[in-house]
Amino acid sequence: MTTVIKGIKLRLYPTQVQKNQLLQLFGNDRFVWNQMLSMAKDRYDNNPSSHFVNEYGIWYELPAKTT
């Protein structure tokens, strides 16, 4: 018995406002990634014998969003 996997090709045409929001979102993601990478490198530089902090460990370092 074989399994058939089907896919759908889809193209989105965002408005200019949506394009700006996506650019802002990706810029924020890149900023947070770079900050966490810098923190991990500093941690290793200060203590090379420390264990690697995985994704879940980094999540604890992020501040909680308050509304």
C-alpha atoms as a PDB file:
ATOM      1  CA  MET A   1       0.000   0.000   0.000  1.00  0.00           C
ATOM      2  CA  THR A   2       1.413   3.368  -0.979  1.00  0.00           C
ATOM      3  CA  THR A   3       0.637   6.730   0.490  1.00  0.00           C
ATOM      4  CA  VAL A   4       0.021   9.647  -1.819  1.00  0.00           C
ATOM      5  CA  ILE A   5       1.050  13.018  -0.486  1.00  0.00           C
ATOM      6  CA  LYS A   6      -0.577  15.940  -2.245  1.00  0.00           C
ATOM      7  CA  GLY A   7       0.458  19.541  -2.066  1.00  0.00           C
ATOM      8  CA  ILE A   8      -1.040  22.857  -2.980  1.00  0.00           C
ATOM      9  CA  LYS A   9       0.911  25.702  -4.507  1.00  0.00           C
ATOM     10  CA  LEU A  10      -0.266  29.051  -3.273  1.00  0.00           C
ATOM     11  CA  ARG A  11       0.923  32.564  -3.906  1.00  0.00           C
ATOM     12  CA  LEU A  12       0.076  35.433  -1.617  1.00  0.00           C
ATOM     13  CA  TYR A  13      -0.076  39.081  -2.608  1.00  0.00           C
ATOM     14  CA  PRO A  14       0.217  41.113   0.593  1.00  0.00           C
ATOM     15  CA  THR A  15      -0.722  44.758   0.691  1.00  0.00           C
ATOM     16  CA  GLN A  16       1.943  47.359   1.406  1.00  0.00           C
ATOM     17  CA  VAL A  17       0.835  47.543   5.056  1.00  0.00           C
ATOM     18  CA  GLN A  18       1.158  43.761   5.370  1.00  0.00           C
ATOM     19  CA  LYS A  19       4.594  43.848   3.697  1.00  0.00           C
ATOM     20  CA  ASN A  20       5.746  46.435   6.240  1.00  0.00           C
ATOM     21  CA  GLN A  21       4.384  44.344   9.114  1.00  0.00           C
ATOM     22  CA  LEU A  22       6.190  41.244   7.810  1.00  0.00           C
ATOM     23  CA  LEU A  23       9.451  43.159   7.475  1.00  0.00           C
ATOM     24  CA  GLN A  24       9.052  44.440  11.051  1.00  0.00           C
ATOM     25  CA  LEU A  25       8.307  40.921  12.317  1.00  0.00           C
ATOM     26  CA  PHE A  26      11.340  39.401  10.576  1.00  0.00           C
ATOM     27  CA  GLY A  27      13.546  42.244  11.804  1.00  0.00           C
ATOM     28  CA  ASN A  28      12.380  41.646  15.388  1.00  0.00           C
ATOM     29  CA  ASP A  29      13.023  37.910  15.055  1.00  0.00           C
ATOM     30  CA  ARG A  30      16.519  38.555  13.729  1.00  0.00           C
ATOM     31  CA  PHE A  31      17.232  40.968  16.595  1.00  0.00           C
ATOM     32  CA  VAL A  32      16.116  38.484  19.256  1.00  0.00           C
ATOM     33  CA  TRP A  33      18.084  35.669  17.583  1.00  0.00           C
ATOM     34  CA  ASN A  34      21.249  37.770  17.521  1.00  0.00           C
ATOM     35  CA  GLN A  35      20.812  38.792  21.174  1.00  0.00           C
ATOM     36  CA  MET A  36      20.351  35.175  22.273  1.00  0.00           C
ATOM     37  CA  LEU A  37      23.328  34.052  20.173  1.00  0.00           C
ATOM     38  CA  SER A  38      25.471  36.774  21.734  1.00  0.00           C
ATOM     39  CA  MET A  39      24.342  35.708  25.202  1.00  0.00           C
ATOM     40  CA  ALA A  40      25.214  32.064  24.466  1.00  0.00           C
ATOM     41  CA  LYS A  41      28.665  33.038  23.154  1.00  0.00           C
ATOM     42  CA  ASP A  42      29.345  35.221  26.202  1.00  0.00           C
ATOM     43  CA  ARG A  43      28.268  32.386  28.471  1.00  0.00           C
ATOM     44  CA  TYR A  44      30.681  30.012  26.744  1.00  0.00           C
ATOM     45  CA  ASP A  45      33.514  32.570  26.834  1.00  0.00           C
ATOM     46  CA  ASN A  46      33.020  33.032  30.587  1.00  0.00           C
ATOM     47  CA  ASN A  47      32.738  29.315  31.343  1.00  0.00           C
ATOM     48  CA  PRO A  48      33.802  26.922  28.543  1.00  0.00           C
ATOM     49  CA  SER A  49      32.829  23.883  30.621  1.00  0.00           C
ATOM     50  CA  SER A  50      29.174  24.992  30.826  1.00  0.00           C
ATOM     51  CA  HIS A  51      26.624  22.936  28.948  1.00  0.00           C
ATOM     52  CA  PHE A  52      24.952  24.117  25.768  1.00  0.00           C
ATOM     53  CA  VAL A  53      21.669  25.948  26.331  1.00  0.00           C
ATOM     54  CA  ASN A  54      19.030  24.548  24.008  1.00  0.00           C
ATOM     55  CA  GLU A  55      15.946  26.307  22.659  1.00  0.00           C
ATOM     56  CA  TYR A  56      13.882  25.648  25.772  1.00  0.00           C
ATOM     57  CA  GLY A  57      16.589  27.004  28.017  1.00  0.00           C
ATOM     58  CA  ILE A  58      16.700  30.187  25.976  1.00  0.00           C
ATOM     59  CA  TRP A  59      12.914  30.591  26.221  1.00  0.00           C
ATOM     60  CA  TYR A  60      13.315  30.978  29.988  1.00  0.00           C
ATOM     61  CA  GLU A  61      15.685  33.887  29.399  1.00  0.00           C
ATOM     62  CA  LEU A  62      13.134  35.874  27.402  1.00  0.00           C
ATOM     63  CA  PRO A  63      11.037  38.266  29.457  1.00  0.00           C
ATOM     64  CA  ALA A  64       7.325  37.569  29.654  1.00  0.00           C
ATOM     65  CA  LYS A  65       5.108  39.883  27.654  1.00  0.00           C
ATOM     66  CA  THR A  66       3.002  42.104  29.853  1.00  0.00           C
ATOM     67  CA  THR A  67      -0.056  43.811  28.468  1.00  0.00           C
END
